Amino acid sequence: MDILYFAWVRERIGRPRETLETDAATVAELVEELKGREDRYAAAFADLSALRVAVNQELTDFDASLEGVREVAFFPPMTGG
């Protein structure tokens, strides 16, 4: 699946996207897998309350299933103004 990173998440990880094969069943499991890869991922995902996630371009929660998912995107909350 494609993993997309936006704003400061992209800056901490150092890349805008990557393609990943995973056995994770949920977004939360995917995050734990990513955090275990390198310190930069652990830093990006240290505070999940500061992140939002979209699965196949639809906002969702971290307990969302990854079954059949093609794309997961991580980004900070958006503010208006």
PDB file of N, CA and C in Angstrom:
ATOM      1  N   MET A   1       0.830  -1.172   0.000  1.00  0.00           N
ATOM      2  CA  MET A   1       0.000   0.000   0.000  1.00  0.00           C
ATOM      3  C   MET A   1       0.874   1.235   0.000  1.00  0.00           C
ATOM      4  N   ASP A   2       0.307   2.335  -0.455  1.00  0.00           N
ATOM      5  CA  ASP A   2       1.026   3.609  -0.452  1.00  0.00           C
ATOM      6  C   ASP A   2       0.773   4.308   0.882  1.00  0.00           C
ATOM      7  N   ILE A   3       1.833   4.827   1.469  1.00  0.00           N
ATOM      8  CA  ILE A   3       1.750   5.597   2.705  1.00  0.00           C
ATOM      9  C   ILE A   3       2.173   7.020   2.360  1.00  0.00           C
ATOM     10  N   LEU A   4       1.314   7.992   2.667  1.00  0.00           N
ATOM     11  CA  LEU A   4       1.582   9.394   2.365  1.00  0.00           C
ATOM     12  C   LEU A   4       1.773  10.161   3.665  1.00  0.00           C
ATOM     13  N   TYR A   5       2.728  11.085   3.668  1.00  0.00           N
ATOM     14  CA  TYR A   5       3.018  11.913   4.837  1.00  0.00           C
ATOM     15  C   TYR A   5       2.925  13.377   4.433  1.00  0.00           C
ATOM     16  N   PHE A   6       2.247  14.188   5.257  1.00  0.00           N
ATOM     17  CA  PHE A   6       2.065  15.599   4.943  1.00  0.00           C
ATOM     18  C   PHE A   6       2.555  16.490   6.079  1.00  0.00           C
ATOM     19  N   ALA A   7       2.923  17.712   5.708  1.00  0.00           N
ATOM     20  CA  ALA A   7       3.322  18.774   6.644  1.00  0.00           C
ATOM     21  C   ALA A   7       4.478  18.315   7.527  1.00  0.00           C
ATOM     22  N   TRP A   8       4.393  18.548   8.841  1.00  0.00           N
ATOM     23  CA  TRP A   8       5.522  18.223   9.717  1.00  0.00           C
ATOM     24  C   TRP A   8       5.758  16.719   9.826  1.00  0.00           C
ATOM     25  N   VAL A   9       4.764  15.900   9.533  1.00  0.00           N
ATOM     26  CA  VAL A   9       4.980  14.447   9.532  1.00  0.00           C
ATOM     27  C   VAL A   9       5.997  14.105   8.442  1.00  0.00           C
ATOM     28  N   ARG A  10       5.803  14.685   7.269  1.00  0.00           N
ATOM     29  CA  ARG A  10       6.740  14.485   6.152  1.00  0.00           C
ATOM     30  C   ARG A  10       8.132  15.002   6.515  1.00  0.00           C
ATOM     31  N   GLU A  11       8.181  16.151   7.164  1.00  0.00           N
ATOM     32  CA  GLU A  11       9.470  16.724   7.541  1.00  0.00           C
ATOM     33  C   GLU A  11      10.221  15.831   8.531  1.00  0.00           C
ATOM     34  N   ARG A  12       9.535  15.273   9.505  1.00  0.00           N
ATOM     35  CA  ARG A  12      10.199  14.410  10.493  1.00  0.00           C
ATOM     36  C   ARG A  12      10.659  13.092   9.892  1.00  0.00           C
ATOM     37  N   ILE A  13       9.847  12.537   9.002  1.00  0.00           N
ATOM     38  CA  ILE A  13      10.202  11.253   8.397  1.00  0.00           C
ATOM     39  C   ILE A  13      11.210  11.441   7.264  1.00  0.00           C
ATOM     40  N   GLY A  14      11.126  12.577   6.580  1.00  0.00           N
ATOM     41  CA  GLY A  14      12.097  12.866   5.532  1.00  0.00           C
ATOM     42  C   GLY A  14      11.704  12.396   4.148  1.00  0.00           C
ATOM     43  N   ARG A  15      10.441  12.069   3.970  1.00  0.00           N
ATOM     44  CA  ARG A  15       9.957  11.668   2.647  1.00  0.00           C
ATOM     45  C   ARG A  15       8.451  11.924   2.573  1.00  0.00           C
ATOM     46  N   PRO A  16       7.947  12.187   1.379  1.00  0.00           N
ATOM     47  CA  PRO A  16       6.517  12.460   1.251  1.00  0.00           C
ATOM     48  C   PRO A  16       5.651  11.207   1.123  1.00  0.00           C
ATOM     49  N   ARG A  17       6.256  10.103   0.699  1.00  0.00           N
ATOM     50  CA  ARG A  17       5.475   8.872   0.484  1.00  0.00           C
ATOM     51  C   ARG A  17       6.397   7.671   0.416  1.00  0.00           C
ATOM     52  N   GLU A  18       5.804   6.512   0.587  1.00  0.00           N
ATOM     53  CA  GLU A  18       6.525   5.265   0.374  1.00  0.00           C
ATOM     54  C   GLU A  18       5.510   4.167   0.117  1.00  0.00           C
ATOM     55  N   THR A  19       5.962   3.096  -0.468  1.00  0.00           N
ATOM     56  CA  THR A  19       5.126   1.928  -0.692  1.00  0.00           C
ATOM     57  C   THR A  19       5.586   0.854   0.286  1.00  0.00           C
ATOM     58  N   LEU A  20       4.627   0.217   0.947  1.00  0.00           N
ATOM     59  CA  LEU A  20       4.952  -0.695   2.036  1.00  0.00           C
ATOM     60  C   LEU A  20       4.087  -1.944   1.961  1.00  0.00           C
ATOM     61  N   GLU A  21       4.713  -3.081   2.156  1.00  0.00           N
ATOM     62  CA  GLU A  21       3.995  -4.348   2.345  1.00  0.00           C
ATOM     63  C   GLU A  21       3.869  -4.542   3.850  1.00  0.00           C
ATOM     64  N   THR A  22       2.664  -4.806   4.332  1.00  0.00           N
ATOM     65  CA  THR A  22       2.468  -4.952   5.770  1.00  0.00           C
ATOM     66  C   THR A  22       1.447  -6.026   6.079  1.00  0.00           C
ATOM     67  N   ASP A  23       1.586  -6.614   7.267  1.00  0.00           N
ATOM     68  CA  ASP A  23       0.593  -7.556   7.768  1.00  0.00           C
ATOM     69  C   ASP A  23      -0.308  -6.888   8.798  1.00  0.00           C
ATOM     70  N   ALA A  24      -0.141  -5.587   9.002  1.00  0.00           N
ATOM     71  CA  ALA A  24      -0.946  -4.855   9.976  1.00  0.00           C
ATOM     72  C   ALA A  24      -2.426  -4.949   9.600  1.00  0.00           C
ATOM     73  N   ALA A  25      -3.268  -5.167  10.605  1.00  0.00           N
ATOM     74  CA  ALA A  25      -4.706  -5.280  10.370  1.00  0.00           C
ATOM     75  C   ALA A  25      -5.423  -3.944  10.521  1.00  0.00           C
ATOM     76  N   THR A  26      -4.829  -3.026  11.278  1.00  0.00           N
ATOM     77  CA  THR A  26      -5.441  -1.724  11.519  1.00  0.00           C
ATOM     78  C   THR A  26      -4.410  -0.620  11.313  1.00  0.00           C
ATOM     79  N   VAL A  27      -4.896   0.606  11.245  1.00  0.00           N
ATOM     80  CA  VAL A  27      -3.992   1.744  11.140  1.00  0.00           C
ATOM     81  C   VAL A  27      -3.086   1.793  12.366  1.00  0.00           C
ATOM     82  N   ALA A  28      -3.631   1.544  13.547  1.00  0.00           N
ATOM     83  CA  ALA A  28      -2.826   1.573  14.776  1.00  0.00           C
ATOM     84  C   ALA A  28      -1.678   0.567  14.711  1.00  0.00           C
ATOM     85  N   GLU A  29      -1.934  -0.626  14.186  1.00  0.00           N
ATOM     86  CA  GLU A  29      -0.877  -1.627  14.042  1.00  0.00           C
ATOM     87  C   GLU A  29       0.166  -1.165  13.030  1.00  0.00           C
ATOM     88  N   LEU A  30      -0.282  -0.507  11.968  1.00  0.00           N
ATOM     89  CA  LEU A  30       0.647   0.038  10.981  1.00  0.00           C
ATOM     90  C   LEU A  30       1.544   1.087  11.624  1.00  0.00           C
ATOM     91  N   VAL A  31       0.967   1.957  12.434  1.00  0.00           N
ATOM     92  CA  VAL A  31       1.745   2.990  13.126  1.00  0.00           C
ATOM     93  C   VAL A  31       2.800   2.340  14.021  1.00  0.00           C
ATOM     94  N   GLU A  32       2.432   1.312  14.763  1.00  0.00           N
ATOM     95  CA  GLU A  32       3.406   0.626  15.626  1.00  0.00           C
ATOM     96  C   GLU A  32       4.526   0.012  14.798  1.00  0.00           C
ATOM     97  N   GLU A  33       4.183  -0.554  13.654  1.00  0.00           N
ATOM     98  CA  GLU A  33       5.199  -1.117  12.761  1.00  0.00           C
ATOM     99  C   GLU A  33       6.141  -0.019  12.263  1.00  0.00           C
ATOM    100  N   LEU A  34       5.581   1.104  11.852  1.00  0.00           N
ATOM    101  CA  LEU A  34       6.402   2.216  11.372  1.00  0.00           C
ATOM    102  C   LEU A  34       7.294   2.771  12.475  1.00  0.00           C
ATOM    103  N   LYS A  35       6.747   2.920  13.684  1.00  0.00           N
ATOM    104  CA  LYS A  35       7.520   3.457  14.813  1.00  0.00           C
ATOM    105  C   LYS A  35       8.739   2.585  15.109  1.00  0.00           C
ATOM    106  N   GLY A  36       8.637   1.296  14.853  1.00  0.00           N
ATOM    107  CA  GLY A  36       9.736   0.377  15.109  1.00  0.00           C
ATOM    108  C   GLY A  36      10.818   0.388  14.048  1.00  0.00           C
ATOM    109  N   ARG A  37      10.578   1.069  12.945  1.00  0.00           N
ATOM    110  CA  ARG A  37      11.546   1.081  11.847  1.00  0.00           C
ATOM    111  C   ARG A  37      12.776   1.910  12.167  1.00  0.00           C
ATOM    112  N   GLU A  38      12.561   3.160  12.577  1.00  0.00           N
ATOM    113  CA  GLU A  38      13.667   4.092  12.811  1.00  0.00           C
ATOM    114  C   GLU A  38      13.198   5.164  13.791  1.00  0.00           C
ATOM    115  N   ASP A  39      14.147   5.871  14.382  1.00  0.00           N
ATOM    116  CA  ASP A  39      13.832   6.940  15.322  1.00  0.00           C
ATOM    117  C   ASP A  39      12.993   8.039  14.690  1.00  0.00           C
ATOM    118  N   ARG A  40      13.228   8.340  13.431  1.00  0.00           N
ATOM    119  CA  ARG A  40      12.473   9.421  12.796  1.00  0.00           C
ATOM    120  C   ARG A  40      10.987   9.087  12.698  1.00  0.00           C
ATOM    121  N   TYR A  41      10.647   7.824  12.492  1.00  0.00           N
ATOM    122  CA  TYR A  41       9.246   7.409  12.486  1.00  0.00           C
ATOM    123  C   TYR A  41       8.678   7.487  13.905  1.00  0.00           C
ATOM    124  N   ALA A  42       9.458   7.038  14.877  1.00  0.00           N
ATOM    125  CA  ALA A  42       9.015   7.102  16.276  1.00  0.00           C
ATOM    126  C   ALA A  42       8.725   8.542  16.675  1.00  0.00           C
ATOM    127  N   ALA A  43       9.550   9.482  16.222  1.00  0.00           N
ATOM    128  CA  ALA A  43       9.331  10.900  16.531  1.00  0.00           C
ATOM    129  C   ALA A  43       8.062  11.414  15.849  1.00  0.00           C
ATOM    130  N   ALA A  44       7.839  11.026  14.617  1.00  0.00           N
ATOM    131  CA  ALA A  44       6.672  11.496  13.877  1.00  0.00           C
ATOM    132  C   ALA A  44       5.368  10.982  14.472  1.00  0.00           C
ATOM    133  N   PHE A  45       5.406   9.769  15.019  1.00  0.00           N
ATOM    134  CA  PHE A  45       4.188   9.147  15.547  1.00  0.00           C
ATOM    135  C   PHE A  45       4.147   9.104  17.072  1.00  0.00           C
ATOM    136  N   ALA A  46       4.945   9.927  17.724  1.00  0.00           N
ATOM    137  CA  ALA A  46       5.021   9.914  19.191  1.00  0.00           C
ATOM    138  C   ALA A  46       3.713  10.329  19.848  1.00  0.00           C
ATOM    139  N   ASP A  47       2.989  11.255  19.252  1.00  0.00           N
ATOM    140  CA  ASP A  47       1.742  11.756  19.842  1.00  0.00           C
ATOM    141  C   ASP A  47       0.624  11.639  18.815  1.00  0.00           C
ATOM    142  N   LEU A  48      -0.104  10.538  18.864  1.00  0.00           N
ATOM    143  CA  LEU A  48      -1.154  10.299  17.873  1.00  0.00           C
ATOM    144  C   LEU A  48      -2.305  11.293  17.991  1.00  0.00           C
ATOM    145  N   SER A  49      -2.456  11.927  19.149  1.00  0.00           N
ATOM    146  CA  SER A  49      -3.523  12.927  19.284  1.00  0.00           C
ATOM    147  C   SER A  49      -3.242  14.156  18.414  1.00  0.00           C
ATOM    148  N   ALA A  50      -2.008  14.305  17.965  1.00  0.00           N
ATOM    149  CA  ALA A  50      -1.622  15.423  17.103  1.00  0.00           C
ATOM    150  C   ALA A  50      -1.687  15.052  15.625  1.00  0.00           C
ATOM    151  N   LEU A  51      -2.232  13.881  15.319  1.00  0.00           N
ATOM    152  CA  LEU A  51      -2.294  13.396  13.941  1.00  0.00           C
ATOM    153  C   LEU A  51      -3.712  13.039  13.526  1.00  0.00           C
ATOM    154  N   ARG A  52      -3.940  13.134  12.246  1.00  0.00           N
ATOM    155  CA  ARG A  52      -5.164  12.638  11.629  1.00  0.00           C
ATOM    156  C   ARG A  52      -4.738  11.617  10.589  1.00  0.00           C
ATOM    157  N   VAL A  53      -5.685  10.740  10.237  1.00  0.00           N
ATOM    158  CA  VAL A  53      -5.383   9.708   9.253  1.00  0.00           C
ATOM    159  C   VAL A  53      -6.536   9.596   8.269  1.00  0.00           C
ATOM    160  N   ALA A  54      -6.187   9.335   7.017  1.00  0.00           N
ATOM    161  CA  ALA A  54      -7.175   9.055   5.979  1.00  0.00           C
ATOM    162  C   ALA A  54      -6.821   7.725   5.337  1.00  0.00           C
ATOM    163  N   VAL A  55      -7.830   6.915   5.110  1.00  0.00           N
ATOM    164  CA  VAL A  55      -7.671   5.621   4.459  1.00  0.00           C
ATOM    165  C   VAL A  55      -8.434   5.688   3.144  1.00  0.00           C
ATOM    166  N   ASN A  56      -7.731   5.448   2.054  1.00  0.00           N
ATOM    167  CA  ASN A  56      -8.329   5.574   0.716  1.00  0.00           C
ATOM    168  C   ASN A  56      -9.042   6.920   0.573  1.00  0.00           C
ATOM    169  N   GLN A  57      -8.398   7.976   1.051  1.00  0.00           N
ATOM    170  CA  GLN A  57      -8.825   9.366   0.939  1.00  0.00           C
ATOM    171  C   GLN A  57     -10.087   9.698   1.732  1.00  0.00           C
ATOM    172  N   GLU A  58     -10.375   8.916   2.787  1.00  0.00           N
ATOM    173  CA  GLU A  58     -11.496   9.213   3.683  1.00  0.00           C
ATOM    174  C   GLU A  58     -10.970   9.287   5.103  1.00  0.00           C
ATOM    175  N   LEU A  59     -11.309  10.375   5.803  1.00  0.00           N
ATOM    176  CA  LEU A  59     -10.887  10.510   7.195  1.00  0.00           C
ATOM    177  C   LEU A  59     -11.428   9.362   8.013  1.00  0.00           C
ATOM    178  N   THR A  60     -10.610   8.863   8.918  1.00  0.00           N
ATOM    179  CA  THR A  60     -11.005   7.730   9.745  1.00  0.00           C
ATOM    180  C   THR A  60     -10.248   7.770  11.059  1.00  0.00           C
ATOM    181  N   ASP A  61     -10.446   6.742  11.886  1.00  0.00           N
ATOM    182  CA  ASP A  61      -9.753   6.619  13.161  1.00  0.00           C
ATOM    183  C   ASP A  61      -8.608   5.629  13.030  1.00  0.00           C
ATOM    184  N   PHE A  62      -7.757   5.619  14.049  1.00  0.00           N
ATOM    185  CA  PHE A  62      -6.596   4.739  14.027  1.00  0.00           C
ATOM    186  C   PHE A  62      -6.969   3.261  14.202  1.00  0.00           C
ATOM    187  N   ASP A  63      -8.201   2.982  14.596  1.00  0.00           N
ATOM    188  CA  ASP A  63      -8.624   1.583  14.714  1.00  0.00           C
ATOM    189  C   ASP A  63      -9.244   1.058  13.414  1.00  0.00           C
ATOM    190  N   ALA A  64      -9.185   1.846  12.350  1.00  0.00           N
ATOM    191  CA  ALA A  64      -9.752   1.443  11.058  1.00  0.00           C
ATOM    192  C   ALA A  64      -9.010   0.244  10.471  1.00  0.00           C
ATOM    193  N   SER A  65      -9.756  -0.613   9.834  1.00  0.00           N
ATOM    194  CA  SER A  65      -9.196  -1.796   9.183  1.00  0.00           C
ATOM    195  C   SER A  65      -8.385  -1.399   7.952  1.00  0.00           C
ATOM    196  N   LEU A  66      -7.354  -2.183   7.679  1.00  0.00           N
ATOM    197  CA  LEU A  66      -6.543  -1.980   6.478  1.00  0.00           C
ATOM    198  C   LEU A  66      -6.863  -3.002   5.382  1.00  0.00           C
ATOM    199  N   GLU A  67      -7.869  -3.805   5.594  1.00  0.00           N
ATOM    200  CA  GLU A  67      -8.226  -4.819   4.608  1.00  0.00           C
ATOM    201  C   GLU A  67      -8.620  -4.160   3.285  1.00  0.00           C
ATOM    202  N   GLY A  68      -7.928  -4.501   2.232  1.00  0.00           N
ATOM    203  CA  GLY A  68      -8.207  -3.981   0.904  1.00  0.00           C
ATOM    204  C   GLY A  68      -7.796  -2.526   0.678  1.00  0.00           C
ATOM    205  N   VAL A  69      -7.086  -1.947   1.624  1.00  0.00           N
ATOM    206  CA  VAL A  69      -6.703  -0.537   1.538  1.00  0.00           C
ATOM    207  C   VAL A  69      -5.530  -0.357   0.576  1.00  0.00           C
ATOM    208  N   ARG A  70      -5.601   0.678  -0.240  1.00  0.00           N
ATOM    209  CA  ARG A  70      -4.535   1.000  -1.185  1.00  0.00           C
ATOM    210  C   ARG A  70      -3.673   2.161  -0.713  1.00  0.00           C
ATOM    211  N   GLU A  71      -4.265   3.052   0.130  1.00  0.00           N
ATOM    212  CA  GLU A  71      -3.544   4.263   0.520  1.00  0.00           C
ATOM    213  C   GLU A  71      -3.901   4.683   1.942  1.00  0.00           C
ATOM    214  N   VAL A  72      -2.866   5.041   2.702  1.00  0.00           N
ATOM    215  CA  VAL A  72      -3.041   5.600   4.039  1.00  0.00           C
ATOM    216  C   VAL A  72      -2.262   6.905   4.074  1.00  0.00           C
ATOM    217  N   ALA A  73      -2.899   7.965   4.574  1.00  0.00           N
ATOM    218  CA  ALA A  73      -2.245   9.269   4.649  1.00  0.00           C
ATOM    219  C   ALA A  73      -2.260   9.766   6.090  1.00  0.00           C
ATOM    220  N   PHE A  74      -1.127  10.317   6.521  1.00  0.00           N
ATOM    221  CA  PHE A  74      -0.992  10.868   7.866  1.00  0.00           C
ATOM    222  C   PHE A  74      -0.714  12.362   7.750  1.00  0.00           C
ATOM    223  N   PHE A  75      -1.389  13.178   8.585  1.00  0.00           N
ATOM    224  CA  PHE A  75      -1.234  14.628   8.531  1.00  0.00           C
ATOM    225  C   PHE A  75      -1.709  15.238   9.838  1.00  0.00           C
ATOM    226  N   PRO A  76      -1.233  16.453  10.135  1.00  0.00           N
ATOM    227  CA  PRO A  76      -1.708  17.146  11.331  1.00  0.00           C
ATOM    228  C   PRO A  76      -3.134  17.660  11.114  1.00  0.00           C
ATOM    229  N   PRO A  77      -3.849  17.969  12.183  1.00  0.00           N
ATOM    230  CA  PRO A  77      -5.195  18.525  12.024  1.00  0.00           C
ATOM    231  C   PRO A  77      -5.157  19.825  11.224  1.00  0.00           C
ATOM    232  N   MET A  78      -6.176  20.036  10.458  1.00  0.00           N
ATOM    233  CA  MET A  78      -6.278  21.259   9.657  1.00  0.00           C
ATOM    234  C   MET A  78      -7.020  22.314  10.467  1.00  0.00           C
ATOM    235  N   THR A  79      -6.614  23.549  10.292  1.00  0.00           N
ATOM    236  CA  THR A  79      -7.325  24.649  10.941  1.00  0.00           C
ATOM    237  C   THR A  79      -7.770  25.644   9.883  1.00  0.00           C
ATOM    238  N   GLY A  80      -8.869  26.269  10.145  1.00  0.00           N
ATOM    239  CA  GLY A  80      -9.376  27.268   9.202  1.00  0.00           C
ATOM    240  C   GLY A  80      -8.832  28.634   9.528  1.00  0.00           C
ATOM    241  N   GLY A  81      -9.086  29.572   8.657  1.00  0.00           N
ATOM    242  CA  GLY A  81      -8.642  30.918   8.954  1.00  0.00           C
ATOM    243  C   GLY A  81      -8.519  31.765   7.741  1.00  0.00           C
TER     244      GLY A  81
END
